[in-house]
PDB file of N, CA and C in Angstrom:
ATOM      1  N   GLN A   1       0.324  39.541 105.707  1.00  0.00           N
ATOM      2  CA  GLN A   1       0.087  39.093 103.928  1.00  0.00           C
ATOM      3  C   GLN A   1      -0.431  37.853 103.885  1.00  0.00           C
ATOM      4  N   VAL A   2      -1.591  37.438 103.923  1.00  0.00           N
ATOM      5  CA  VAL A   2      -2.221  36.461 103.769  1.00  0.00           C
ATOM      6  C   VAL A   2      -2.025  35.702 102.330  1.00  0.00           C
ATOM      7  N   GLN A   3      -1.368  34.649 102.081  1.00  0.00           N
ATOM      8  CA  GLN A   3      -1.156  34.180 100.538  1.00  0.00           C
ATOM      9  C   GLN A   3      -1.957  33.005 100.378  1.00  0.00           C
ATOM     10  N   VAL A   4      -2.621  32.274 101.605  1.00  0.00           N
ATOM     11  CA  VAL A   4      -2.945  30.527 101.708  1.00  0.00           C
ATOM     12  C   VAL A   4      -4.525  31.156 101.698  1.00  0.00           C
ATOM     13  N   VAL A   5      -5.545  29.922 101.671  1.00  0.00           N
ATOM     14  CA  VAL A   5      -6.725  29.777 101.978  1.00  0.00           C
ATOM     15  C   VAL A   5      -6.602  28.173 102.178  1.00  0.00           C
ATOM     16  N   GLU A   6      -7.157  27.972 103.633  1.00  0.00           N
ATOM     17  CA  GLU A   6      -6.971  26.736 104.458  1.00  0.00           C
ATOM     18  C   GLU A   6      -8.610  26.231 104.319  1.00  0.00           C
ATOM     19  N   SER A   7      -8.929  25.143 103.814  1.00  0.00           N
ATOM     20  CA  SER A   7     -10.917  25.104 103.558  1.00  0.00           C
ATOM     21  C   SER A   7     -11.264  23.488 104.189  1.00  0.00           C
ATOM     22  N   GLY A   8     -11.950  23.242 103.798  1.00  0.00           N
ATOM     23  CA  GLY A   8     -12.244  21.859 104.492  1.00  0.00           C
ATOM     24  C   GLY A   8     -12.579  21.135 105.896  1.00  0.00           C
ATOM     25  N   GLY A   9     -12.277  22.309 106.588  1.00  0.00           N
ATOM     26  CA  GLY A   9     -12.346  21.694 108.068  1.00  0.00           C
ATOM     27  C   GLY A   9     -13.994  21.634 108.485  1.00  0.00           C
ATOM     28  N   GLY A  10     -14.405  20.945 109.915  1.00  0.00           N
ATOM     29  CA  GLY A  10     -15.964  20.774 109.861  1.00  0.00           C
ATOM     30  C   GLY A  10     -15.393  19.931 111.428  1.00  0.00           C
ATOM     31  N   LEU A  11     -17.049  19.249 111.747  1.00  0.00           N
ATOM     32  CA  LEU A  11     -17.170  18.157 112.785  1.00  0.00           C
ATOM     33  C   LEU A  11     -17.169  16.806 112.254  1.00  0.00           C
ATOM     34  N   VAL A  12     -16.497  15.742 113.075  1.00  0.00           N
ATOM     35  CA  VAL A  12     -16.448  14.675 112.333  1.00  0.00           C
ATOM     36  C   VAL A  12     -16.433  13.864 113.931  1.00  0.00           C
ATOM     37  N   GLN A  13     -17.025  12.563 113.690  1.00  0.00           N
ATOM     38  CA  GLN A  13     -17.080  11.689 114.668  1.00  0.00           C
ATOM     39  C   GLN A  13     -15.784  11.245 114.669  1.00  0.00           C
ATOM     40  N   ALA A  14     -15.178  10.320 115.889  1.00  0.00           N
ATOM     41  CA  ALA A  14     -13.779   9.492 116.374  1.00  0.00           C
ATOM     42  C   ALA A  14     -13.868   8.431 114.835  1.00  0.00           C
ATOM     43  N   GLY A  15     -12.777   8.185 114.493  1.00  0.00           N
ATOM     44  CA  GLY A  15     -12.840   6.989 113.520  1.00  0.00           C
ATOM     45  C   GLY A  15     -13.017   7.866 112.326  1.00  0.00           C
ATOM     46  N   GLY A  16     -13.500   8.756 111.816  1.00  0.00           N
ATOM     47  CA  GLY A  16     -14.230   9.653 110.472  1.00  0.00           C
ATOM     48  C   GLY A  16     -12.925   9.810 109.594  1.00  0.00           C
ATOM     49  N   SER A  17     -13.352  10.690 108.751  1.00  0.00           N
ATOM     50  CA  SER A  17     -12.126  11.198 108.092  1.00  0.00           C
ATOM     51  C   SER A  17     -12.882  12.282 107.464  1.00  0.00           C
ATOM     52  N   MET A  18     -11.859  12.655 106.391  1.00  0.00           N
ATOM     53  CA  MET A  18     -11.719  14.611 106.618  1.00  0.00           C
ATOM     54  C   MET A  18     -10.668  14.473 105.342  1.00  0.00           C
ATOM     55  N   ARG A  19     -10.795  15.724 104.223  1.00  0.00           N
ATOM     56  CA  ARG A  19     -10.053  15.938 103.492  1.00  0.00           C
ATOM     57  C   ARG A  19      -9.476  17.655 104.034  1.00  0.00           C
ATOM     58  N   LEU A  20      -8.689  18.265 103.902  1.00  0.00           N
ATOM     59  CA  LEU A  20      -8.064  19.895 104.034  1.00  0.00           C
ATOM     60  C   LEU A  20      -7.794  20.191 102.935  1.00  0.00           C
ATOM     61  N   SER A  21      -7.868  21.486 102.293  1.00  0.00           N
ATOM     62  CA  SER A  21      -7.487  22.100 100.966  1.00  0.00           C
ATOM     63  C   SER A  21      -6.995  23.465 101.331  1.00  0.00           C
ATOM     64  N   CYS A  22      -5.684  23.444 101.025  1.00  0.00           N
ATOM     65  CA  CYS A  22      -4.662  24.610 101.297  1.00  0.00           C
ATOM     66  C   CYS A  22      -4.584  25.097  99.332  1.00  0.00           C
ATOM     67  N   ALA A  23      -5.272  26.390  99.504  1.00  0.00           N
ATOM     68  CA  ALA A  23      -4.791  26.780  97.870  1.00  0.00           C
ATOM     69  C   ALA A  23      -3.741  28.302  98.586  1.00  0.00           C
ATOM     70  N   TYR A  24      -2.731  28.178  97.729  1.00  0.00           N
ATOM     71  CA  TYR A  24      -1.799  29.027  97.625  1.00  0.00           C
ATOM     72  C   TYR A  24      -1.314  29.883  96.626  1.00  0.00           C
ATOM     73  N   SER A  25      -0.465  31.112  96.766  1.00  0.00           N
ATOM     74  CA  SER A  25      -0.112  32.121  95.834  1.00  0.00           C
ATOM     75  C   SER A  25       0.415  31.468  95.200  1.00  0.00           C
ATOM     76  N   GLU A  26       0.572  31.020  93.536  1.00  0.00           N
ATOM     77  CA  GLU A  26       1.899  30.787  92.893  1.00  0.00           C
ATOM     78  C   GLU A  26       3.090  31.697  93.498  1.00  0.00           C
ATOM     79  N   ARG A  27       2.622  32.570  92.889  1.00  0.00           N
ATOM     80  CA  ARG A  27       3.785  34.050  92.949  1.00  0.00           C
ATOM     81  C   ARG A  27       4.564  33.836  94.600  1.00  0.00           C
ATOM     82  N   THR A  28       4.194  33.518  95.294  1.00  0.00           N
ATOM     83  CA  THR A  28       5.295  33.208  96.789  1.00  0.00           C
ATOM     84  C   THR A  28       5.213  32.213  97.414  1.00  0.00           C
ATOM     85  N   PHE A  29       4.674  30.796  96.826  1.00  0.00           N
ATOM     86  CA  PHE A  29       5.075  29.600  97.165  1.00  0.00           C
ATOM     87  C   PHE A  29       5.736  28.385  96.006  1.00  0.00           C
ATOM     88  N   ASN A  30       5.633  29.388  94.980  1.00  0.00           N
ATOM     89  CA  ASN A  30       5.735  28.532  93.837  1.00  0.00           C
ATOM     90  C   ASN A  30       7.090  27.692  94.095  1.00  0.00           C
ATOM     91  N   HIS A  31       7.087  26.296  93.369  1.00  0.00           N
ATOM     92  CA  HIS A  31       8.353  25.734  94.330  1.00  0.00           C
ATOM     93  C   HIS A  31       8.922  25.657  95.412  1.00  0.00           C
ATOM     94  N   TYR A  32       8.319  25.865  96.404  1.00  0.00           N
ATOM     95  CA  TYR A  32       8.721  25.688  97.654  1.00  0.00           C
ATOM     96  C   TYR A  32       7.591  24.020  98.398  1.00  0.00           C
ATOM     97  N   ALA A  33       8.381  23.369  99.319  1.00  0.00           N
ATOM     98  CA  ALA A  33       7.840  22.480  99.761  1.00  0.00           C
ATOM     99  C   ALA A  33       6.624  23.559 100.871  1.00  0.00           C
ATOM    100  N   MET A  34       5.781  22.419 101.010  1.00  0.00           N
ATOM    101  CA  MET A  34       4.668  23.564 102.013  1.00  0.00           C
ATOM    102  C   MET A  34       4.115  21.645 102.747  1.00  0.00           C
ATOM    103  N   GLY A  35       4.007  22.795 104.083  1.00  0.00           N
ATOM    104  CA  GLY A  35       3.059  21.331 105.086  1.00  0.00           C
ATOM    105  C   GLY A  35       2.090  21.830 105.753  1.00  0.00           C
ATOM    106  N   TRP A  36       1.683  21.362 106.229  1.00  0.00           N
ATOM    107  CA  TRP A  36       0.527  21.667 107.145  1.00  0.00           C
ATOM    108  C   TRP A  36       1.168  21.554 109.126  1.00  0.00           C
ATOM    109  N   PHE A  37       0.273  22.396 109.958  1.00  0.00           N
ATOM    110  CA  PHE A  37       0.359  22.489 111.226  1.00  0.00           C
ATOM    111  C   PHE A  37      -0.989  22.351 112.150  1.00  0.00           C
ATOM    112  N   ARG A  38      -0.826  22.405 112.753  1.00  0.00           N
ATOM    113  CA  ARG A  38      -2.223  22.603 113.644  1.00  0.00           C
ATOM    114  C   ARG A  38      -2.111  23.050 115.452  1.00  0.00           C
ATOM    115  N   GLN A  39      -3.141  23.516 115.440  1.00  0.00           N
ATOM    116  CA  GLN A  39      -3.012  24.314 116.981  1.00  0.00           C
ATOM    117  C   GLN A  39      -4.582  23.875 117.945  1.00  0.00           C
ATOM    118  N   ALA A  40      -3.911  23.297 118.525  1.00  0.00           N
ATOM    119  CA  ALA A  40      -5.120  23.131 119.931  1.00  0.00           C
ATOM    120  C   ALA A  40      -5.165  23.829 120.674  1.00  0.00           C
ATOM    121  N   PRO A  41      -6.436  24.393 121.589  1.00  0.00           N
ATOM    122  CA  PRO A  41      -6.673  25.531 122.194  1.00  0.00           C
ATOM    123  C   PRO A  41      -5.686  25.206 123.699  1.00  0.00           C
ATOM    124  N   GLY A  42      -5.025  25.904 124.050  1.00  0.00           N
ATOM    125  CA  GLY A  42      -3.965  25.927 125.149  1.00  0.00           C
ATOM    126  C   GLY A  42      -2.053  25.531 124.740  1.00  0.00           C
ATOM    127  N   LYS A  43      -2.605  25.212 122.983  1.00  0.00           N
ATOM    128  CA  LYS A  43      -0.754  24.537 123.118  1.00  0.00           C
ATOM    129  C   LYS A  43      -0.511  25.290 122.089  1.00  0.00           C
ATOM    130  N   GLU A  44       0.593  24.867 121.762  1.00  0.00           N
ATOM    131  CA  GLU A  44       1.714  25.735 120.689  1.00  0.00           C
ATOM    132  C   GLU A  44       1.337  25.131 119.726  1.00  0.00           C
ATOM    133  N   ARG A  45       1.594  25.766 118.117  1.00  0.00           N
ATOM    134  CA  ARG A  45       1.341  25.466 116.903  1.00  0.00           C
ATOM    135  C   ARG A  45       2.723  24.290 116.197  1.00  0.00           C
ATOM    136  N   GLU A  46       2.013  23.173 116.054  1.00  0.00           N
ATOM    137  CA  GLU A  46       2.912  21.847 115.799  1.00  0.00           C
ATOM    138  C   GLU A  46       2.891  21.198 114.528  1.00  0.00           C
ATOM    139  N   PHE A  47       3.878  21.041 114.004  1.00  0.00           N
ATOM    140  CA  PHE A  47       3.897  20.661 112.761  1.00  0.00           C
ATOM    141  C   PHE A  47       3.055  19.240 112.430  1.00  0.00           C
ATOM    142  N   VAL A  48       2.367  19.403 111.390  1.00  0.00           N
ATOM    143  CA  VAL A  48       1.531  17.557 111.307  1.00  0.00           C
ATOM    144  C   VAL A  48       1.745  16.665 109.739  1.00  0.00           C
ATOM    145  N   ALA A  49       2.381  17.602 108.537  1.00  0.00           N
ATOM    146  CA  ALA A  49       3.015  16.734 107.699  1.00  0.00           C
ATOM    147  C   ALA A  49       3.034  17.728 106.802  1.00  0.00           C
ATOM    148  N   ALA A  50       4.271  17.610 105.601  1.00  0.00           N
ATOM    149  CA  ALA A  50       4.970  18.075 104.444  1.00  0.00           C
ATOM    150  C   ALA A  50       5.029  17.475 103.366  1.00  0.00           C
ATOM    151  N   ILE A  51       5.503  17.954 102.189  1.00  0.00           N
ATOM    152  CA  ILE A  51       5.059  17.471 101.067  1.00  0.00           C
ATOM    153  C   ILE A  51       6.362  18.516 100.176  1.00  0.00           C
ATOM    154  N   SER A  52       7.613  17.809  99.305  1.00  0.00           N
ATOM    155  CA  SER A  52       8.573  18.673  98.475  1.00  0.00           C
ATOM    156  C   SER A  52       7.336  18.977  97.383  1.00  0.00           C
ATOM    157  N   TRP A  53       8.171  19.712  96.514  1.00  0.00           N
ATOM    158  CA  TRP A  53       7.510  20.534  95.475  1.00  0.00           C
ATOM    159  C   TRP A  53       7.255  19.442  94.610  1.00  0.00           C
ATOM    160  N   THR A  54       7.993  18.295  94.703  1.00  0.00           N
ATOM    161  CA  THR A  54       8.164  17.575  93.358  1.00  0.00           C
ATOM    162  C   THR A  54       6.622  16.657  94.090  1.00  0.00           C
ATOM    163  N   GLY A  55       6.188  16.541  94.822  1.00  0.00           N
ATOM    164  CA  GLY A  55       5.391  15.424  95.758  1.00  0.00           C
ATOM    165  C   GLY A  55       6.279  14.097  95.998  1.00  0.00           C
ATOM    166  N   ALA A  56       7.537  14.171  95.765  1.00  0.00           N
ATOM    167  CA  ALA A  56       8.238  12.914  95.942  1.00  0.00           C
ATOM    168  C   ALA A  56       8.619  12.633  97.354  1.00  0.00           C
ATOM    169  N   THR A  57       8.800  13.648  98.100  1.00  0.00           N
ATOM    170  CA  THR A  57       8.877  13.228  99.279  1.00  0.00           C
ATOM    171  C   THR A  57       8.015  13.520 100.418  1.00  0.00           C
ATOM    172  N   THR A  58       7.492  12.979 101.282  1.00  0.00           N
ATOM    173  CA  THR A  58       6.494  13.372 102.433  1.00  0.00           C
ATOM    174  C   THR A  58       7.303  12.990 103.393  1.00  0.00           C
ATOM    175  N   TYR A  59       6.520  13.730 104.864  1.00  0.00           N
ATOM    176  CA  TYR A  59       7.888  13.664 106.370  1.00  0.00           C
ATOM    177  C   TYR A  59       6.101  14.296 106.949  1.00  0.00           C
ATOM    178  N   TYR A  60       6.077  12.974 107.932  1.00  0.00           N
ATOM    179  CA  TYR A  60       4.988  12.664 108.816  1.00  0.00           C
ATOM    180  C   TYR A  60       5.370  13.167 110.248  1.00  0.00           C
ATOM    181  N   ALA A  61       4.827  14.005 111.295  1.00  0.00           N
ATOM    182  CA  ALA A  61       4.490  13.757 112.867  1.00  0.00           C
ATOM    183  C   ALA A  61       4.457  12.520 113.000  1.00  0.00           C
ATOM    184  N   ASP A  62       4.631  12.000 114.367  1.00  0.00           N
ATOM    185  CA  ASP A  62       4.804  10.482 114.259  1.00  0.00           C
ATOM    186  C   ASP A  62       3.375  10.093 114.994  1.00  0.00           C
ATOM    187  N   SER A  63       3.039  11.271 115.360  1.00  0.00           N
ATOM    188  CA  SER A  63       1.263  11.257 115.707  1.00  0.00           C
ATOM    189  C   SER A  63       0.206  11.047 114.913  1.00  0.00           C
ATOM    190  N   VAL A  64       0.433  11.495 113.773  1.00  0.00           N
ATOM    191  CA  VAL A  64      -0.354  10.821 113.013  1.00  0.00           C
ATOM    192  C   VAL A  64      -0.191  10.211 111.622  1.00  0.00           C
ATOM    193  N   LYS A  65       1.740   9.481 111.524  1.00  0.00           N
ATOM    194  CA  LYS A  65       2.139   8.387 110.579  1.00  0.00           C
ATOM    195  C   LYS A  65       0.948   7.637 110.740  1.00  0.00           C
ATOM    196  N   GLY A  66       0.801   6.919 109.296  1.00  0.00           N
ATOM    197  CA  GLY A  66      -0.046   5.601 108.897  1.00  0.00           C
ATOM    198  C   GLY A  66      -1.607   6.375 108.766  1.00  0.00           C
ATOM    199  N   ARG A  67      -2.195   7.365 109.408  1.00  0.00           N
ATOM    200  CA  ARG A  67      -3.660   8.270 109.006  1.00  0.00           C
ATOM    201  C   ARG A  67      -3.688   8.595 108.325  1.00  0.00           C
ATOM    202  N   PHE A  68      -2.444  10.150 108.210  1.00  0.00           N
ATOM    203  CA  PHE A  68      -2.864  11.553 107.364  1.00  0.00           C
ATOM    204  C   PHE A  68      -1.843  11.268 105.872  1.00  0.00           C
ATOM    205  N   THR A  69      -2.323  11.703 105.021  1.00  0.00           N
ATOM    206  CA  THR A  69      -2.321  11.233 103.757  1.00  0.00           C
ATOM    207  C   THR A  69      -1.463  12.765 103.422  1.00  0.00           C
ATOM    208  N   ILE A  70      -0.558  13.688 103.007  1.00  0.00           N
ATOM    209  CA  ILE A  70      -0.241  14.449 102.192  1.00  0.00           C
ATOM    210  C   ILE A  70      -0.106  14.443 100.911  1.00  0.00           C
ATOM    211  N   SER A  71      -0.808  15.312 100.703  1.00  0.00           N
ATOM    212  CA  SER A  71      -0.404  15.469  98.632  1.00  0.00           C
ATOM    213  C   SER A  71      -0.391  16.494  98.319  1.00  0.00           C
ATOM    214  N   ARG A  72      -0.118  17.262  96.771  1.00  0.00           N
ATOM    215  CA  ARG A  72      -0.548  18.410  95.845  1.00  0.00           C
ATOM    216  C   ARG A  72      -0.969  18.169  94.716  1.00  0.00           C
ATOM    217  N   ASP A  73      -1.498  19.589  94.287  1.00  0.00           N
ATOM    218  CA  ASP A  73      -1.231  19.575  92.538  1.00  0.00           C
ATOM    219  C   ASP A  73      -1.189  21.017  92.407  1.00  0.00           C
ATOM    220  N   ASN A  74       0.285  20.771  91.477  1.00  0.00           N
ATOM    221  CA  ASN A  74       1.064  22.247  91.309  1.00  0.00           C
ATOM    222  C   ASN A  74       0.088  22.976  90.031  1.00  0.00           C
ATOM    223  N   ALA A  75      -0.272  22.187  89.646  1.00  0.00           N
ATOM    224  CA  ALA A  75      -1.608  22.946  88.398  1.00  0.00           C
ATOM    225  C   ALA A  75      -2.286  23.887  89.177  1.00  0.00           C
ATOM    226  N   LYS A  76      -2.866  23.194  90.438  1.00  0.00           N
ATOM    227  CA  LYS A  76      -4.135  24.007  91.012  1.00  0.00           C
ATOM    228  C   LYS A  76      -3.972  24.919  92.030  1.00  0.00           C
ATOM    229  N   ASN A  77      -2.163  24.666  92.058  1.00  0.00           N
ATOM    230  CA  ASN A  77      -1.603  25.388  93.504  1.00  0.00           C
ATOM    231  C   ASN A  77      -2.568  25.769  94.411  1.00  0.00           C
ATOM    232  N   THR A  78      -2.605  23.970  94.769  1.00  0.00           N
ATOM    233  CA  THR A  78      -3.381  23.479  96.183  1.00  0.00           C
ATOM    234  C   THR A  78      -2.438  22.425  96.794  1.00  0.00           C
ATOM    235  N   VAL A  79      -3.087  21.764  98.294  1.00  0.00           N
ATOM    236  CA  VAL A  79      -2.001  21.329  98.682  1.00  0.00           C
ATOM    237  C   VAL A  79      -3.480  20.009  99.347  1.00  0.00           C
ATOM    238  N   TYR A  80      -3.416  19.156  99.995  1.00  0.00           N
ATOM    239  CA  TYR A  80      -4.159  18.686 100.647  1.00  0.00           C
ATOM    240  C   TYR A  80      -3.600  17.572 101.796  1.00  0.00           C
ATOM    241  N   LEU A  81      -5.221  17.857 102.924  1.00  0.00           N
ATOM    242  CA  LEU A  81      -4.244  16.692 103.516  1.00  0.00           C
ATOM    243  C   LEU A  81      -5.257  16.019 104.104  1.00  0.00           C
ATOM    244  N   GLN A  82      -5.507  14.293 103.693  1.00  0.00           N
ATOM    245  CA  GLN A  82      -6.426  13.453 103.771  1.00  0.00           C
ATOM    246  C   GLN A  82      -6.168  12.966 105.618  1.00  0.00           C
ATOM    247  N   MET A  83      -7.220  13.288 105.983  1.00  0.00           N
ATOM    248  CA  MET A  83      -7.003  12.309 107.743  1.00  0.00           C
ATOM    249  C   MET A  83      -7.868  11.512 107.657  1.00  0.00           C
ATOM    250  N   ASN A  84      -7.886  10.309 107.781  1.00  0.00           N
ATOM    251  CA  ASN A  84      -8.462   8.686 108.211  1.00  0.00           C
ATOM    252  C   ASN A  84      -8.318   8.867 109.832  1.00  0.00           C
ATOM    253  N   SER A  85      -9.122   7.562 110.398  1.00  0.00           N
ATOM    254  CA  SER A  85      -9.129   7.693 111.536  1.00  0.00           C
ATOM    255  C   SER A  85      -8.719   8.198 112.779  1.00  0.00           C
ATOM    256  N   LEU A  86      -9.222   9.469 112.481  1.00  0.00           N
ATOM    257  CA  LEU A  86      -9.494  10.795 113.712  1.00  0.00           C
ATOM    258  C   LEU A  86      -9.609  10.412 114.971  1.00  0.00           C
ATOM    259  N   LYS A  87      -9.233  10.641 115.432  1.00  0.00           N
ATOM    260  CA  LYS A  87      -9.330  11.249 117.259  1.00  0.00           C
ATOM    261  C   LYS A  87      -9.170  11.900 118.196  1.00  0.00           C
ATOM    262  N   PRO A  88     -10.428  12.632 118.641  1.00  0.00           N
ATOM    263  CA  PRO A  88     -10.765  13.153 119.265  1.00  0.00           C
ATOM    264  C   PRO A  88      -9.552  14.972 119.721  1.00  0.00           C
ATOM    265  N   GLU A  89      -8.005  13.925 120.011  1.00  0.00           N
ATOM    266  CA  GLU A  89      -6.678  14.187 119.971  1.00  0.00           C
ATOM    267  C   GLU A  89      -6.151  15.301 118.602  1.00  0.00           C
ATOM    268  N   ASP A  90      -6.743  14.871 117.717  1.00  0.00           N
ATOM    269  CA  ASP A  90      -6.338  15.613 116.306  1.00  0.00           C
ATOM    270  C   ASP A  90      -7.098  17.054 116.382  1.00  0.00           C
ATOM    271  N   THR A  91      -8.125  17.364 117.290  1.00  0.00           N
ATOM    272  CA  THR A  91      -9.006  18.916 117.374  1.00  0.00           C
ATOM    273  C   THR A  91      -8.024  19.856 116.858  1.00  0.00           C
ATOM    274  N   ALA A  92      -8.447  20.927 116.488  1.00  0.00           N
ATOM    275  CA  ALA A  92      -7.706  21.810 115.991  1.00  0.00           C
ATOM    276  C   ALA A  92      -7.760  22.640 114.903  1.00  0.00           C
ATOM    277  N   VAL A  93      -6.851  24.218 114.776  1.00  0.00           N
ATOM    278  CA  VAL A  93      -6.905  24.573 113.921  1.00  0.00           C
ATOM    279  C   VAL A  93      -6.043  24.286 113.296  1.00  0.00           C
ATOM    280  N   TYR A  94      -6.435  23.861 111.529  1.00  0.00           N
ATOM    281  CA  TYR A  94      -5.023  23.313 110.718  1.00  0.00           C
ATOM    282  C   TYR A  94      -4.518  24.617 109.811  1.00  0.00           C
ATOM    283  N   TYR A  95      -3.484  24.698 109.694  1.00  0.00           N
ATOM    284  CA  TYR A  95      -2.696  25.930 108.968  1.00  0.00           C
ATOM    285  C   TYR A  95      -1.531  25.409 108.049  1.00  0.00           C
ATOM    286  N   CYS A  96      -1.761  25.808 106.807  1.00  0.00           N
ATOM    287  CA  CYS A  96      -0.688  25.365 105.953  1.00  0.00           C
ATOM    288  C   CYS A  96       0.427  26.329 105.765  1.00  0.00           C
ATOM    289  N   ASN A  97       1.853  26.238 105.622  1.00  0.00           N
ATOM    290  CA  ASN A  97       2.566  27.395 105.052  1.00  0.00           C
ATOM    291  C   ASN A  97       3.565  26.302 104.250  1.00  0.00           C
ATOM    292  N   ALA A  98       4.736  26.991 103.513  1.00  0.00           N
ATOM    293  CA  ALA A  98       5.967  26.795 102.943  1.00  0.00           C
ATOM    294  C   ALA A  98       6.723  26.350 104.464  1.00  0.00           C
ATOM    295  N   VAL A  99       7.258  25.333 104.441  1.00  0.00           N
ATOM    296  CA  VAL A  99       8.606  24.560 105.084  1.00  0.00           C
ATOM    297  C   VAL A  99       9.836  24.490 105.424  1.00  0.00           C
ATOM    298  N   ARG A 100      10.795  24.476 105.330  1.00  0.00           N
ATOM    299  CA  ARG A 100      12.132  24.669 105.705  1.00  0.00           C
ATOM    300  C   ARG A 100      12.885  23.522 106.834  1.00  0.00           C
ATOM    301  N   ALA A 101      13.623  23.128 107.308  1.00  0.00           N
ATOM    302  CA  ALA A 101      14.095  22.078 107.461  1.00  0.00           C
ATOM    303  C   ALA A 101      13.934  23.025 109.082  1.00  0.00           C
ATOM    304  N   GLY A 102      13.607  22.304 110.289  1.00  0.00           N
ATOM    305  CA  GLY A 102      13.710  22.811 111.809  1.00  0.00           C
ATOM    306  C   GLY A 102      14.456  21.539 112.615  1.00  0.00           C
ATOM    307  N   PRO A 103      14.596  22.004 114.170  1.00  0.00           N
ATOM    308  CA  PRO A 103      14.979  21.511 115.028  1.00  0.00           C
ATOM    309  C   PRO A 103      14.097  19.458 114.839  1.00  0.00           C
ATOM    310  N   ALA A 104      12.908  19.636 114.559  1.00  0.00           N
ATOM    311  CA  ALA A 104      12.110  18.582 114.856  1.00  0.00           C
ATOM    312  C   ALA A 104      12.509  17.730 113.092  1.00  0.00           C
ATOM    313  N   GLY A 105      13.351  18.067 112.405  1.00  0.00           N
ATOM    314  CA  GLY A 105      13.292  16.983 111.392  1.00  0.00           C
ATOM    315  C   GLY A 105      13.728  18.198 109.756  1.00  0.00           C
ATOM    316  N   PRO A 106      13.580  17.471 108.663  1.00  0.00           N
ATOM    317  CA  PRO A 106      13.390  18.484 107.592  1.00  0.00           C
ATOM    318  C   PRO A 106      12.163  18.583 107.132  1.00  0.00           C
ATOM    319  N   MET A 107      11.950  19.984 106.106  1.00  0.00           N
ATOM    320  CA  MET A 107      10.798  20.418 105.985  1.00  0.00           C
ATOM    321  C   MET A 107       9.795  20.462 107.505  1.00  0.00           C
ATOM    322  N   THR A 108       9.789  20.338 108.279  1.00  0.00           N
ATOM    323  CA  THR A 108       8.761  20.707 109.598  1.00  0.00           C
ATOM    324  C   THR A 108       8.693  22.036 110.554  1.00  0.00           C
ATOM    325  N   SER A 109      10.027  23.024 110.121  1.00  0.00           N
ATOM    326  CA  SER A 109       9.497  24.453 110.015  1.00  0.00           C
ATOM    327  C   SER A 109       8.797  25.150 109.216  1.00  0.00           C
ATOM    328  N   PRO A 110       7.891  26.131 110.186  1.00  0.00           N
ATOM    329  CA  PRO A 110       7.420  26.983 108.796  1.00  0.00           C
ATOM    330  C   PRO A 110       7.770  28.180 108.120  1.00  0.00           C
ATOM    331  N   LEU A 111       7.968  28.113 106.776  1.00  0.00           N
ATOM    332  CA  LEU A 111       9.401  29.213 106.200  1.00  0.00           C
ATOM    333  C   LEU A 111       8.830  30.943 106.460  1.00  0.00           C
ATOM    334  N   TYR A 112       7.434  31.233 106.444  1.00  0.00           N
ATOM    335  CA  TYR A 112       6.705  32.608 106.609  1.00  0.00           C
ATOM    336  C   TYR A 112       5.967  32.653 107.830  1.00  0.00           C
ATOM    337  N   ASP A 113       6.363  33.778 108.243  1.00  0.00           N
ATOM    338  CA  ASP A 113       6.084  34.088 109.787  1.00  0.00           C
ATOM    339  C   ASP A 113       4.514  34.683 109.715  1.00  0.00           C
ATOM    340  N   TYR A 114       3.938  34.754 108.303  1.00  0.00           N
ATOM    341  CA  TYR A 114       2.498  34.905 108.785  1.00  0.00           C
ATOM    342  C   TYR A 114       1.315  33.502 108.128  1.00  0.00           C
ATOM    343  N   TRP A 115       0.503  33.708 108.593  1.00  0.00           N
ATOM    344  CA  TRP A 115      -0.777  32.118 108.682  1.00  0.00           C
ATOM    345  C   TRP A 115      -2.037  32.576 107.790  1.00  0.00           C
ATOM    346  N   GLY A 116      -2.001  32.078 107.127  1.00  0.00           N
ATOM    347  CA  GLY A 116      -4.098  32.628 106.830  1.00  0.00           C
ATOM    348  C   GLY A 116      -4.943  31.895 107.676  1.00  0.00           C
ATOM    349  N   GLN A 117      -5.981  31.880 107.829  1.00  0.00           N
ATOM    350  CA  GLN A 117      -6.868  31.858 108.852  1.00  0.00           C
ATOM    351  C   GLN A 117      -6.944  30.347 109.581  1.00  0.00           C
ATOM    352  N   GLY A 118      -6.431  29.467 108.692  1.00  0.00           N
ATOM    353  CA  GLY A 118      -6.946  27.949 109.327  1.00  0.00           C
ATOM    354  C   GLY A 118      -8.235  27.889 109.270  1.00  0.00           C
ATOM    355  N   THR A 119      -8.596  26.113 109.280  1.00  0.00           N
ATOM    356  CA  THR A 119      -9.459  25.433 109.169  1.00  0.00           C
ATOM    357  C   THR A 119      -9.738  24.753 110.214  1.00  0.00           C
ATOM    358  N   GLN A 120     -10.833  24.982 110.873  1.00  0.00           N
ATOM    359  CA  GLN A 120     -10.899  24.104 112.461  1.00  0.00           C
ATOM    360  C   GLN A 120     -11.460  23.145 112.105  1.00  0.00           C
ATOM    361  N   VAL A 121     -10.977  22.216 112.549  1.00  0.00           N
ATOM    362  CA  VAL A 121     -10.930  20.340 112.743  1.00  0.00           C
ATOM    363  C   VAL A 121     -11.391  19.902 113.960  1.00  0.00           C
ATOM    364  N   THR A 122     -12.952  19.588 114.552  1.00  0.00           N
ATOM    365  CA  THR A 122     -13.358  19.001 115.561  1.00  0.00           C
ATOM    366  C   THR A 122     -13.511  17.679 115.246  1.00  0.00           C
ATOM    367  N   VAL A 123     -12.795  17.055 116.492  1.00  0.00           N
ATOM    368  CA  VAL A 123     -13.586  15.478 116.403  1.00  0.00           C
ATOM    369  C   VAL A 123     -13.955  14.829 117.868  1.00  0.00           C
ATOM    370  N   SER A 124     -15.306  14.962 117.528  1.00  0.00           N
ATOM    371  CA  SER A 124     -16.079  14.270 118.649  1.00  0.00           C
ATOM    372  C   SER A 124     -15.615  12.520 119.194  1.00  0.00           C
ATOM    373  N   SER A 125     -15.860  12.781 120.092  1.00  0.00           N
ATOM    374  CA  SER A 125     -15.529  11.341 120.731  1.00  0.00           C
ATOM    375  C   SER A 125     -16.851   9.989 121.091  1.00  0.00           C
TER     376      SER A 125
END
């Protein structure tokens, strides 16, 4: 049962920027920490970034730290991912989900087993 809609992906050159949006169901995701994940062709889905319900705490994968910024607007039930200095290795389908603690650290594992359709990000070299 899809409760999120990701958008904002597209094609960008290396070094460029892009902002993704994730509109989520208030009933399902209200008061949850939220995160972004990505899956490149032939690879497993991986954690990218997460943000607490209040926005006071954020957490990033080492591969995106300093380049990506996660934020949220609870009044709009939307989470954002600002991506700067994009690299070809950032190419993937990006998904959002509520998050929980996992082996990789706090807020790094998806809470729900179901996913939205994702949004494709392609970075050309």
